[in-house]
Amino acid sequence: MMFLNPNKPIATCISETCDDCTVSKTLHCHFSHSDLIHFLLIASPSFLIGGAGIYHMDQLWLIPWVIIIIGYFGFVEIRVMCSHCPHYAEDVSSLKCWANYGAPKIWKYRPGPMTFWEKVIFFAGFALVWGFPLFFLILDLQIFLLIVYLLTVTGFFMTLRTFLCSQCMNFACPLNRVEDQVRRDFFERNPKIARAWTRDMR
């Protein structure tokens, strides 16, 4: 099965069924092909434009950029951010979510908020991944591609924050925008996570 069973509560939930669950109407506790496709459609343009800019100047520099992308999103981000997500508690060997689908789960599940340094690493990784192409676009005076690249990056994060981060159950992520009441409703159905947040926020 490519994604988790949408009719079965997630591993951290104490409910026996997802029927009549008000939380599931607001949060993405389960994911589907359309969620993955939606994410890829909004994320891909910035990588394609950035890659084109690097290739135009020196195609060999695509190799370290790809290594940075895979290293960060496949391992580092998983440790500092994804390992705090309830989805990470599932008994599967890789992530089945819309953002990091297929990433190996090699870290321990850590319910509760991210630490200060995890947030620093999280944003530093973003800056490195999306900042890398800027050097080539600016140095090579690729003005048109630079403008398009900045627009696609901005569009990606705006769309992400508006439509995906507002429905994400990983409250630890600094980009999360889920309303407080929805969080409280989720905590009621996931008491172990609620206790982890209460403990870590003291």
N, C-alpha and C. Protein backbone atom coordinates (compact mmCIF):
# COMPACT_ATOMS: atom_id res chain seq x y z
N MET A 1 0.85 -1.20 0.00
CA MET A 1 0.00 0.00 0.00
C MET A 1 0.89 1.24 0.00
N MET A 2 0.65 2.15 -0.94
CA MET A 2 1.49 3.33 -1.09
C MET A 2 1.33 4.31 0.06
N PHE A 3 0.11 4.41 0.60
CA PHE A 3 -0.17 5.31 1.72
C PHE A 3 -0.87 4.52 2.83
N LEU A 4 -0.95 5.14 4.00
CA LEU A 4 -1.60 4.48 5.13
C LEU A 4 -3.10 4.32 4.86
N ASN A 5 -3.69 3.35 5.51
CA ASN A 5 -5.13 3.09 5.36
C ASN A 5 -5.92 4.30 5.85
N PRO A 6 -6.66 4.97 4.96
CA PRO A 6 -7.39 6.19 5.35
C PRO A 6 -8.55 5.93 6.31
N ASN A 7 -8.93 4.67 6.46
CA ASN A 7 -10.05 4.33 7.35
C ASN A 7 -9.58 3.87 8.72
N LYS A 8 -8.27 3.86 8.93
CA LYS A 8 -7.72 3.42 10.20
C LYS A 8 -7.05 4.59 10.90
N PRO A 9 -7.34 4.85 12.18
CA PRO A 9 -6.70 5.96 12.91
C PRO A 9 -5.18 5.81 12.91
N ILE A 10 -4.48 6.93 12.97
CA ILE A 10 -3.02 6.89 13.01
C ILE A 10 -2.57 6.24 14.32
N ALA A 11 -1.31 5.83 14.36
CA ALA A 11 -0.79 5.03 15.49
C ALA A 11 -0.93 5.72 16.84
N THR A 12 -0.85 7.03 16.88
CA THR A 12 -0.89 7.76 18.16
C THR A 12 -2.31 8.07 18.63
N CYS A 13 -3.29 7.83 17.79
CA CYS A 13 -4.68 8.18 18.11
C CYS A 13 -5.35 7.09 18.94
N ILE A 14 -6.13 7.50 19.94
CA ILE A 14 -6.81 6.54 20.81
C ILE A 14 -8.18 6.16 20.27
N SER A 15 -8.63 6.81 19.22
CA SER A 15 -9.94 6.49 18.64
C SER A 15 -9.87 5.13 17.94
N GLU A 16 -10.98 4.44 17.91
CA GLU A 16 -11.04 3.13 17.26
C GLU A 16 -11.40 3.24 15.79
N THR A 17 -11.98 4.35 15.42
CA THR A 17 -12.39 4.56 14.03
C THR A 17 -12.26 6.02 13.66
N CYS A 18 -12.18 6.29 12.36
CA CYS A 18 -12.09 7.67 11.88
C CYS A 18 -13.47 8.23 11.56
N ASP A 19 -14.50 7.40 11.71
CA ASP A 19 -15.86 7.85 11.42
C ASP A 19 -16.25 9.01 12.33
N ASP A 20 -16.85 10.02 11.74
CA ASP A 20 -17.34 11.19 12.47
C ASP A 20 -16.24 11.94 13.24
N CYS A 21 -15.01 11.82 12.79
CA CYS A 21 -13.90 12.53 13.44
C CYS A 21 -13.84 13.96 12.92
N THR A 22 -14.02 14.92 13.80
CA THR A 22 -13.99 16.32 13.39
C THR A 22 -12.58 16.78 13.03
N VAL A 23 -11.59 16.16 13.67
CA VAL A 23 -10.19 16.53 13.41
C VAL A 23 -9.81 16.22 11.98
N SER A 24 -10.25 15.08 11.46
CA SER A 24 -9.87 14.65 10.11
C SER A 24 -10.43 15.57 9.04
N LYS A 25 -11.44 16.37 9.39
CA LYS A 25 -12.00 17.31 8.43
C LYS A 25 -11.13 18.56 8.28
N THR A 26 -10.25 18.75 9.25
CA THR A 26 -9.40 19.94 9.25
C THR A 26 -7.93 19.61 9.04
N LEU A 27 -7.50 18.51 9.66
CA LEU A 27 -6.09 18.11 9.56
C LEU A 27 -5.90 16.97 8.58
N HIS A 28 -4.71 16.90 8.01
CA HIS A 28 -4.34 15.77 7.16
C HIS A 28 -3.67 14.70 8.01
N CYS A 29 -4.48 13.80 8.56
CA CYS A 29 -3.91 12.68 9.31
C CYS A 29 -3.49 11.57 8.36
N HIS A 30 -4.11 11.53 7.18
CA HIS A 30 -3.78 10.56 6.16
C HIS A 30 -3.49 11.30 4.85
N PHE A 31 -2.78 10.63 3.98
CA PHE A 31 -2.37 11.27 2.73
C PHE A 31 -2.74 10.41 1.53
N SER A 32 -2.78 11.05 0.36
CA SER A 32 -3.20 10.35 -0.85
C SER A 32 -2.32 10.75 -2.02
N HIS A 33 -2.56 10.12 -3.17
CA HIS A 33 -1.81 10.43 -4.38
C HIS A 33 -1.99 11.90 -4.76
N SER A 34 -3.21 12.41 -4.61
CA SER A 34 -3.47 13.81 -4.98
C SER A 34 -2.70 14.77 -4.10
N ASP A 35 -2.53 14.43 -2.80
CA ASP A 35 -1.74 15.28 -1.90
C ASP A 35 -0.28 15.33 -2.36
N LEU A 36 0.25 14.17 -2.72
CA LEU A 36 1.64 14.09 -3.18
C LEU A 36 1.83 14.85 -4.48
N ILE A 37 0.90 14.67 -5.42
CA ILE A 37 0.99 15.36 -6.71
C ILE A 37 0.89 16.87 -6.51
N HIS A 38 -0.01 17.31 -5.64
CA HIS A 38 -0.17 18.74 -5.34
C HIS A 38 1.13 19.33 -4.84
N PHE A 39 1.77 18.63 -3.89
CA PHE A 39 3.03 19.12 -3.35
C PHE A 39 4.11 19.19 -4.41
N LEU A 40 4.23 18.15 -5.23
CA LEU A 40 5.26 18.12 -6.27
C LEU A 40 5.04 19.23 -7.30
N LEU A 41 3.79 19.53 -7.59
CA LEU A 41 3.49 20.58 -8.57
C LEU A 41 3.89 21.96 -8.07
N ILE A 42 3.77 22.21 -6.78
CA ILE A 42 4.14 23.54 -6.27
C ILE A 42 5.62 23.62 -5.93
N ALA A 43 6.26 22.47 -5.66
CA ALA A 43 7.67 22.47 -5.28
C ALA A 43 8.61 22.38 -6.48
N SER A 44 8.21 21.65 -7.51
CA SER A 44 9.11 21.38 -8.64
C SER A 44 9.59 22.61 -9.42
N PRO A 45 8.73 23.60 -9.69
CA PRO A 45 9.18 24.73 -10.52
C PRO A 45 10.44 25.41 -10.01
N SER A 46 10.55 25.65 -8.72
CA SER A 46 11.74 26.34 -8.19
C SER A 46 13.00 25.49 -8.39
N PHE A 47 12.87 24.18 -8.26
CA PHE A 47 14.03 23.31 -8.45
C PHE A 47 14.41 23.22 -9.92
N LEU A 48 13.42 23.20 -10.79
CA LEU A 48 13.71 23.14 -12.23
C LEU A 48 14.37 24.42 -12.72
N ILE A 49 13.86 25.57 -12.27
CA ILE A 49 14.44 26.85 -12.68
C ILE A 49 15.82 27.03 -12.07
N GLY A 50 15.97 26.69 -10.80
CA GLY A 50 17.27 26.79 -10.16
C GLY A 50 18.28 25.88 -10.81
N GLY A 51 17.87 24.66 -11.13
CA GLY A 51 18.75 23.72 -11.80
C GLY A 51 19.15 24.19 -13.18
N ALA A 52 18.22 24.83 -13.89
CA ALA A 52 18.52 25.35 -15.22
C ALA A 52 19.57 26.45 -15.14
N GLY A 53 19.48 27.29 -14.12
CA GLY A 53 20.45 28.36 -13.94
C GLY A 53 21.84 27.84 -13.64
N ILE A 54 21.93 26.82 -12.80
CA ILE A 54 23.22 26.20 -12.48
C ILE A 54 23.79 25.53 -13.72
N TYR A 55 22.95 24.80 -14.45
CA TYR A 55 23.38 24.09 -15.66
C TYR A 55 23.92 25.04 -16.71
N HIS A 56 23.28 26.20 -16.84
CA HIS A 56 23.69 27.18 -17.84
C HIS A 56 25.09 27.70 -17.59
N MET A 57 25.47 27.81 -16.31
CA MET A 57 26.79 28.32 -15.97
C MET A 57 27.83 27.20 -15.93
N ASP A 58 27.51 26.12 -15.23
CA ASP A 58 28.45 24.99 -15.13
C ASP A 58 27.67 23.77 -14.64
N GLN A 59 27.41 22.85 -15.56
CA GLN A 59 26.56 21.71 -15.24
C GLN A 59 27.11 20.81 -14.14
N LEU A 60 28.43 20.82 -13.93
CA LEU A 60 29.02 19.98 -12.89
C LEU A 60 28.58 20.39 -11.48
N TRP A 61 28.20 21.68 -11.34
CA TRP A 61 27.75 22.15 -10.02
C TRP A 61 26.37 21.63 -9.66
N LEU A 62 25.70 20.97 -10.62
CA LEU A 62 24.42 20.35 -10.29
C LEU A 62 24.62 19.17 -9.33
N ILE A 63 25.79 18.54 -9.42
CA ILE A 63 26.06 17.36 -8.58
C ILE A 63 26.06 17.71 -7.09
N PRO A 64 26.84 18.71 -6.66
CA PRO A 64 26.79 19.03 -5.22
C PRO A 64 25.43 19.55 -4.77
N TRP A 65 24.71 20.25 -5.66
CA TRP A 65 23.38 20.74 -5.29
C TRP A 65 22.41 19.58 -5.06
N VAL A 66 22.47 18.59 -5.95
CA VAL A 66 21.61 17.41 -5.80
C VAL A 66 21.97 16.66 -4.51
N ILE A 67 23.26 16.58 -4.21
CA ILE A 67 23.69 15.92 -2.98
C ILE A 67 23.17 16.66 -1.75
N ILE A 68 23.22 18.00 -1.80
CA ILE A 68 22.69 18.82 -0.71
C ILE A 68 21.19 18.59 -0.54
N ILE A 69 20.46 18.57 -1.64
CA ILE A 69 19.01 18.37 -1.59
C ILE A 69 18.66 17.01 -0.99
N ILE A 70 19.31 15.97 -1.49
CA ILE A 70 19.03 14.61 -1.00
C ILE A 70 19.45 14.48 0.47
N GLY A 71 20.63 15.01 0.79
CA GLY A 71 21.13 14.92 2.15
C GLY A 71 20.25 15.64 3.15
N TYR A 72 19.78 16.83 2.74
CA TYR A 72 18.96 17.61 3.67
C TYR A 72 17.56 17.03 3.80
N PHE A 73 16.85 16.89 2.67
CA PHE A 73 15.46 16.44 2.74
C PHE A 73 15.33 14.95 3.05
N GLY A 74 16.36 14.16 2.72
CA GLY A 74 16.28 12.74 2.96
C GLY A 74 16.74 12.30 4.33
N PHE A 75 17.58 13.14 5.00
CA PHE A 75 18.14 12.71 6.27
C PHE A 75 18.10 13.81 7.36
N VAL A 76 18.66 14.98 7.06
CA VAL A 76 18.77 16.03 8.08
C VAL A 76 17.40 16.56 8.50
N GLU A 77 16.58 16.96 7.54
CA GLU A 77 15.24 17.48 7.87
C GLU A 77 14.40 16.41 8.57
N ILE A 78 14.59 15.16 8.17
CA ILE A 78 13.85 14.08 8.80
C ILE A 78 14.17 14.02 10.29
N ARG A 79 15.43 14.23 10.63
CA ARG A 79 15.86 14.18 12.03
C ARG A 79 15.35 15.38 12.83
N VAL A 80 15.56 16.58 12.33
CA VAL A 80 15.26 17.77 13.13
C VAL A 80 13.78 18.14 13.14
N MET A 81 13.03 17.77 12.09
CA MET A 81 11.64 18.18 12.01
C MET A 81 10.66 17.01 11.91
N CYS A 82 10.87 16.14 10.94
CA CYS A 82 9.90 15.06 10.70
C CYS A 82 9.81 14.06 11.85
N SER A 83 10.90 13.85 12.58
CA SER A 83 10.87 12.88 13.68
C SER A 83 9.96 13.33 14.82
N HIS A 84 9.49 14.58 14.80
CA HIS A 84 8.56 15.09 15.80
C HIS A 84 7.10 14.90 15.37
N CYS A 85 6.90 14.48 14.13
CA CYS A 85 5.54 14.37 13.58
C CYS A 85 4.86 13.08 14.00
N PRO A 86 3.56 13.13 14.33
CA PRO A 86 2.83 11.91 14.70
C PRO A 86 2.91 10.83 13.62
N HIS A 87 3.00 11.27 12.38
CA HIS A 87 3.09 10.33 11.26
C HIS A 87 4.35 9.47 11.36
N TYR A 88 5.37 9.99 12.01
CA TYR A 88 6.63 9.28 12.15
C TYR A 88 6.50 8.09 13.11
N ALA A 89 5.43 8.07 13.91
CA ALA A 89 5.22 6.99 14.86
C ALA A 89 4.66 5.73 14.21
N GLU A 90 4.28 5.83 12.94
CA GLU A 90 3.70 4.68 12.25
C GLU A 90 4.73 3.55 12.11
N ASP A 91 4.24 2.33 12.13
CA ASP A 91 5.10 1.15 12.05
C ASP A 91 5.41 0.80 10.59
N VAL A 92 6.07 1.73 9.91
CA VAL A 92 6.51 1.53 8.52
C VAL A 92 7.96 2.01 8.43
N SER A 93 8.70 1.52 7.45
CA SER A 93 10.13 1.82 7.36
C SER A 93 10.45 3.15 6.68
N SER A 94 9.46 3.73 6.00
CA SER A 94 9.69 5.01 5.32
C SER A 94 8.46 5.89 5.45
N LEU A 95 8.65 7.17 5.25
CA LEU A 95 7.55 8.12 5.39
C LEU A 95 6.56 7.98 4.24
N LYS A 96 5.28 8.11 4.56
CA LYS A 96 4.21 8.01 3.56
C LYS A 96 3.40 9.30 3.51
N CYS A 97 4.07 10.43 3.70
CA CYS A 97 3.37 11.72 3.72
C CYS A 97 3.57 12.44 2.39
N TRP A 98 2.97 13.61 2.26
CA TRP A 98 3.03 14.34 1.00
C TRP A 98 4.34 15.06 0.76
N ALA A 99 5.06 15.43 1.80
CA ALA A 99 6.26 16.25 1.62
C ALA A 99 7.55 15.45 1.48
N ASN A 100 7.72 14.42 2.27
CA ASN A 100 8.97 13.65 2.26
C ASN A 100 8.71 12.18 1.99
N TYR A 101 7.82 11.92 1.06
CA TYR A 101 7.42 10.55 0.77
C TYR A 101 8.64 9.69 0.41
N GLY A 102 8.72 8.53 1.05
CA GLY A 102 9.78 7.58 0.74
C GLY A 102 11.06 7.75 1.52
N ALA A 103 11.18 8.83 2.30
CA ALA A 103 12.39 9.04 3.09
C ALA A 103 12.50 7.97 4.16
N PRO A 104 13.69 7.38 4.35
CA PRO A 104 13.84 6.32 5.35
C PRO A 104 13.70 6.84 6.78
N LYS A 105 13.08 6.06 7.62
CA LYS A 105 12.90 6.43 9.03
C LYS A 105 14.03 5.81 9.84
N ILE A 106 15.17 6.48 9.87
CA ILE A 106 16.34 5.95 10.58
C ILE A 106 16.51 6.58 11.96
N TRP A 107 15.68 7.58 12.27
CA TRP A 107 15.79 8.25 13.57
C TRP A 107 14.68 7.79 14.50
N LYS A 108 14.82 8.09 15.76
CA LYS A 108 13.82 7.76 16.77
C LYS A 108 12.68 8.78 16.73
N TYR A 109 11.47 8.32 16.99
CA TYR A 109 10.32 9.22 17.05
C TYR A 109 10.44 10.12 18.28
N ARG A 110 10.27 11.44 18.09
CA ARG A 110 10.43 12.41 19.17
C ARG A 110 9.20 13.32 19.25
N PRO A 111 8.15 12.89 19.93
CA PRO A 111 6.97 13.75 20.06
C PRO A 111 7.31 15.00 20.86
N GLY A 112 6.58 16.06 20.58
CA GLY A 112 6.85 17.32 21.27
C GLY A 112 7.50 18.33 20.33
N PRO A 113 7.73 19.54 20.81
CA PRO A 113 8.27 20.62 19.98
C PRO A 113 9.74 20.43 19.61
N MET A 114 10.16 21.11 18.56
CA MET A 114 11.56 21.11 18.15
C MET A 114 12.37 21.97 19.12
N THR A 115 13.65 21.66 19.25
CA THR A 115 14.53 22.48 20.07
C THR A 115 14.97 23.71 19.28
N PHE A 116 15.59 24.66 19.96
CA PHE A 116 16.09 25.87 19.29
C PHE A 116 17.07 25.51 18.18
N TRP A 117 18.01 24.60 18.46
CA TRP A 117 19.02 24.26 17.47
C TRP A 117 18.45 23.45 16.32
N GLU A 118 17.41 22.68 16.57
CA GLU A 118 16.75 21.97 15.48
C GLU A 118 16.11 22.97 14.52
N LYS A 119 15.53 24.03 15.07
CA LYS A 119 14.94 25.06 14.22
C LYS A 119 16.01 25.80 13.43
N VAL A 120 17.16 26.05 14.05
CA VAL A 120 18.27 26.71 13.36
C VAL A 120 18.73 25.85 12.17
N ILE A 121 18.91 24.57 12.41
CA ILE A 121 19.33 23.65 11.34
C ILE A 121 18.27 23.56 10.26
N PHE A 122 17.01 23.54 10.68
CA PHE A 122 15.89 23.47 9.74
C PHE A 122 15.92 24.63 8.75
N PHE A 123 16.02 25.84 9.27
CA PHE A 123 16.02 27.02 8.40
C PHE A 123 17.35 27.18 7.64
N ALA A 124 18.45 26.76 8.26
CA ALA A 124 19.74 26.82 7.58
C ALA A 124 19.73 25.90 6.36
N GLY A 125 19.09 24.75 6.50
CA GLY A 125 18.97 23.83 5.37
C GLY A 125 18.15 24.42 4.24
N PHE A 126 17.06 25.09 4.58
CA PHE A 126 16.26 25.78 3.57
C PHE A 126 17.09 26.83 2.83
N ALA A 127 17.84 27.61 3.61
CA ALA A 127 18.66 28.67 3.03
C ALA A 127 19.71 28.10 2.09
N LEU A 128 20.30 26.97 2.47
CA LEU A 128 21.32 26.35 1.64
C LEU A 128 20.73 25.77 0.35
N VAL A 129 19.62 25.06 0.49
CA VAL A 129 18.99 24.42 -0.68
C VAL A 129 18.53 25.45 -1.71
N TRP A 130 17.78 26.46 -1.24
CA TRP A 130 17.25 27.44 -2.19
C TRP A 130 18.20 28.61 -2.44
N GLY A 131 19.20 28.75 -1.59
CA GLY A 131 20.18 29.83 -1.81
C GLY A 131 21.28 29.43 -2.77
N PHE A 132 21.54 28.15 -2.89
CA PHE A 132 22.62 27.65 -3.76
C PHE A 132 22.48 28.14 -5.20
N PRO A 133 21.31 28.01 -5.85
CA PRO A 133 21.17 28.47 -7.23
C PRO A 133 21.33 29.99 -7.39
N LEU A 134 21.02 30.76 -6.33
CA LEU A 134 21.11 32.22 -6.42
C LEU A 134 22.52 32.67 -6.80
N PHE A 135 23.52 32.00 -6.27
CA PHE A 135 24.91 32.35 -6.57
C PHE A 135 25.17 32.30 -8.07
N PHE A 136 24.68 31.27 -8.72
CA PHE A 136 24.92 31.09 -10.16
C PHE A 136 24.06 32.04 -11.00
N LEU A 137 22.83 32.24 -10.59
CA LEU A 137 21.94 33.13 -11.32
C LEU A 137 22.43 34.57 -11.27
N ILE A 138 22.95 34.98 -10.12
CA ILE A 138 23.45 36.35 -9.96
C ILE A 138 24.81 36.52 -10.63
N LEU A 139 25.72 35.57 -10.37
CA LEU A 139 27.07 35.67 -10.92
C LEU A 139 27.07 35.62 -12.44
N ASP A 140 26.18 34.82 -13.00
CA ASP A 140 26.12 34.66 -14.46
C ASP A 140 25.16 35.66 -15.10
N LEU A 141 24.64 36.58 -14.29
CA LEU A 141 23.73 37.63 -14.77
C LEU A 141 22.54 37.07 -15.54
N GLN A 142 21.97 35.99 -15.02
CA GLN A 142 20.79 35.41 -15.64
C GLN A 142 19.55 36.08 -15.03
N ILE A 143 19.35 37.32 -15.40
CA ILE A 143 18.34 38.17 -14.76
C ILE A 143 16.94 37.60 -14.89
N PHE A 144 16.58 37.17 -16.09
CA PHE A 144 15.23 36.65 -16.31
C PHE A 144 14.98 35.41 -15.45
N LEU A 145 15.93 34.47 -15.51
CA LEU A 145 15.79 33.25 -14.70
C LEU A 145 15.79 33.58 -13.20
N LEU A 146 16.57 34.57 -12.81
CA LEU A 146 16.63 34.98 -11.40
C LEU A 146 15.26 35.46 -10.94
N ILE A 147 14.61 36.29 -11.74
CA ILE A 147 13.28 36.79 -11.39
C ILE A 147 12.27 35.66 -11.31
N VAL A 148 12.30 34.79 -12.31
CA VAL A 148 11.37 33.66 -12.33
C VAL A 148 11.63 32.73 -11.15
N TYR A 149 12.91 32.53 -10.84
CA TYR A 149 13.28 31.66 -9.72
C TYR A 149 12.75 32.23 -8.40
N LEU A 150 12.95 33.50 -8.17
CA LEU A 150 12.47 34.14 -6.95
C LEU A 150 10.95 34.07 -6.85
N LEU A 151 10.27 34.22 -7.99
CA LEU A 151 8.82 34.13 -8.00
C LEU A 151 8.33 32.73 -7.67
N THR A 152 9.00 31.72 -8.23
CA THR A 152 8.58 30.33 -7.98
C THR A 152 8.86 29.93 -6.53
N VAL A 153 9.98 30.39 -5.97
CA VAL A 153 10.29 30.08 -4.57
C VAL A 153 9.27 30.74 -3.65
N THR A 154 8.98 32.02 -3.92
CA THR A 154 7.99 32.75 -3.13
C THR A 154 6.62 32.10 -3.24
N GLY A 155 6.24 31.75 -4.47
CA GLY A 155 4.95 31.11 -4.71
C GLY A 155 4.84 29.78 -4.00
N PHE A 156 5.94 29.04 -3.99
CA PHE A 156 5.94 27.74 -3.32
C PHE A 156 5.67 27.88 -1.83
N PHE A 157 6.41 28.77 -1.18
CA PHE A 157 6.26 28.91 0.26
C PHE A 157 4.92 29.54 0.65
N MET A 158 4.41 30.44 -0.18
CA MET A 158 3.10 31.03 0.10
C MET A 158 2.00 29.99 -0.01
N THR A 159 2.08 29.17 -1.06
CA THR A 159 1.09 28.10 -1.26
C THR A 159 1.21 27.05 -0.16
N LEU A 160 2.44 26.72 0.19
CA LEU A 160 2.70 25.74 1.24
C LEU A 160 2.07 26.20 2.56
N ARG A 161 2.35 27.42 2.93
CA ARG A 161 1.87 27.95 4.21
C ARG A 161 0.34 28.08 4.23
N THR A 162 -0.24 28.46 3.09
CA THR A 162 -1.68 28.72 3.04
C THR A 162 -2.51 27.45 2.99
N PHE A 163 -2.11 26.50 2.16
CA PHE A 163 -2.96 25.34 1.91
C PHE A 163 -2.48 24.03 2.54
N LEU A 164 -1.20 23.90 2.85
CA LEU A 164 -0.71 22.64 3.40
C LEU A 164 -0.32 22.76 4.87
N CYS A 165 0.43 23.80 5.21
CA CYS A 165 0.86 23.97 6.61
C CYS A 165 -0.31 24.26 7.54
N SER A 166 -1.41 24.73 6.98
CA SER A 166 -2.60 25.02 7.79
C SER A 166 -3.40 23.76 8.09
N GLN A 167 -2.99 22.62 7.50
CA GLN A 167 -3.69 21.35 7.72
C GLN A 167 -2.75 20.25 8.18
N CYS A 168 -1.53 20.61 8.55
CA CYS A 168 -0.51 19.61 8.89
C CYS A 168 -0.51 19.28 10.38
N MET A 169 -0.42 17.98 10.70
CA MET A 169 -0.46 17.57 12.11
C MET A 169 0.90 17.63 12.78
N ASN A 170 1.94 18.05 12.06
CA ASN A 170 3.24 18.23 12.69
C ASN A 170 3.32 19.63 13.27
N PHE A 171 2.78 19.79 14.48
CA PHE A 171 2.75 21.10 15.12
C PHE A 171 4.14 21.61 15.48
N ALA A 172 5.14 20.72 15.50
CA ALA A 172 6.50 21.12 15.85
C ALA A 172 7.15 21.96 14.76
N CYS A 173 6.73 21.77 13.53
CA CYS A 173 7.34 22.50 12.41
C CYS A 173 7.12 24.00 12.55
N PRO A 174 8.16 24.81 12.37
CA PRO A 174 8.02 26.27 12.50
C PRO A 174 7.07 26.88 11.47
N LEU A 175 6.80 26.15 10.39
CA LEU A 175 5.90 26.67 9.35
C LEU A 175 4.44 26.34 9.62
N ASN A 176 4.17 25.51 10.63
CA ASN A 176 2.82 25.06 10.90
C ASN A 176 1.89 26.22 11.25
N ARG A 177 0.67 26.18 10.66
CA ARG A 177 -0.29 27.26 10.87
C ARG A 177 -1.65 26.74 11.32
N VAL A 178 -1.69 25.60 11.95
CA VAL A 178 -2.96 25.03 12.42
C VAL A 178 -3.48 25.84 13.59
N GLU A 179 -4.78 26.09 13.60
CA GLU A 179 -5.40 26.90 14.65
C GLU A 179 -5.34 26.19 16.01
N ASP A 180 -5.32 26.98 17.07
CA ASP A 180 -5.18 26.44 18.43
C ASP A 180 -6.29 25.47 18.80
N GLN A 181 -7.52 25.77 18.41
CA GLN A 181 -8.64 24.89 18.76
C GLN A 181 -8.50 23.53 18.09
N VAL A 182 -8.05 23.54 16.85
CA VAL A 182 -7.84 22.28 16.12
C VAL A 182 -6.73 21.48 16.79
N ARG A 183 -5.69 22.17 17.25
CA ARG A 183 -4.61 21.49 17.97
C ARG A 183 -5.14 20.84 19.25
N ARG A 184 -5.97 21.56 19.97
CA ARG A 184 -6.52 21.01 21.21
C ARG A 184 -7.38 19.78 20.92
N ASP A 185 -8.17 19.83 19.85
CA ASP A 185 -9.00 18.68 19.48
C ASP A 185 -8.12 17.48 19.12
N PHE A 186 -7.02 17.75 18.44
CA PHE A 186 -6.09 16.67 18.07
C PHE A 186 -5.44 16.08 19.31
N PHE A 187 -5.03 16.93 20.25
CA PHE A 187 -4.40 16.46 21.48
C PHE A 187 -5.34 15.57 22.29
N GLU A 188 -6.64 15.86 22.27
CA GLU A 188 -7.61 15.04 23.00
C GLU A 188 -7.63 13.61 22.49
N ARG A 189 -7.44 13.45 21.19
CA ARG A 189 -7.44 12.12 20.58
C ARG A 189 -6.04 11.50 20.59
N ASN A 190 -5.03 12.30 20.91
CA ASN A 190 -3.65 11.83 20.92
C ASN A 190 -2.98 12.26 22.23
N PRO A 191 -3.41 11.68 23.37
CA PRO A 191 -2.94 12.13 24.69
C PRO A 191 -1.44 11.99 24.92
N LYS A 192 -0.80 10.97 24.33
CA LYS A 192 0.65 10.81 24.51
C LYS A 192 1.40 11.99 23.90
N ILE A 193 0.91 12.46 22.77
CA ILE A 193 1.53 13.63 22.13
C ILE A 193 1.27 14.87 22.98
N ALA A 194 0.05 14.97 23.50
CA ALA A 194 -0.30 16.12 24.36
C ALA A 194 0.61 16.17 25.57
N ARG A 195 0.89 15.01 26.18
CA ARG A 195 1.76 14.98 27.35
C ARG A 195 3.19 15.38 26.99
N ALA A 196 3.65 14.97 25.81
CA ALA A 196 5.01 15.32 25.36
C ALA A 196 5.13 16.83 25.17
N TRP A 197 4.08 17.43 24.64
CA TRP A 197 4.11 18.87 24.45
C TRP A 197 4.04 19.61 25.79
N THR A 198 3.23 19.11 26.70
CA THR A 198 3.11 19.74 28.02
C THR A 198 4.44 19.64 28.77
N ARG A 199 5.08 18.48 28.69
CA ARG A 199 6.36 18.27 29.37
C ARG A 199 7.44 19.16 28.80
N ASP A 200 7.55 19.24 27.47
CA ASP A 200 8.63 19.98 26.83
C ASP A 200 8.42 21.50 26.87
N MET A 201 7.18 21.92 27.10
CA MET A 201 6.91 23.36 27.14
C MET A 201 7.07 23.95 28.53
N ARG A 202 7.34 23.10 29.53
CA ARG A 202 7.51 23.60 30.90
C ARG A 202 8.79 24.40 31.04
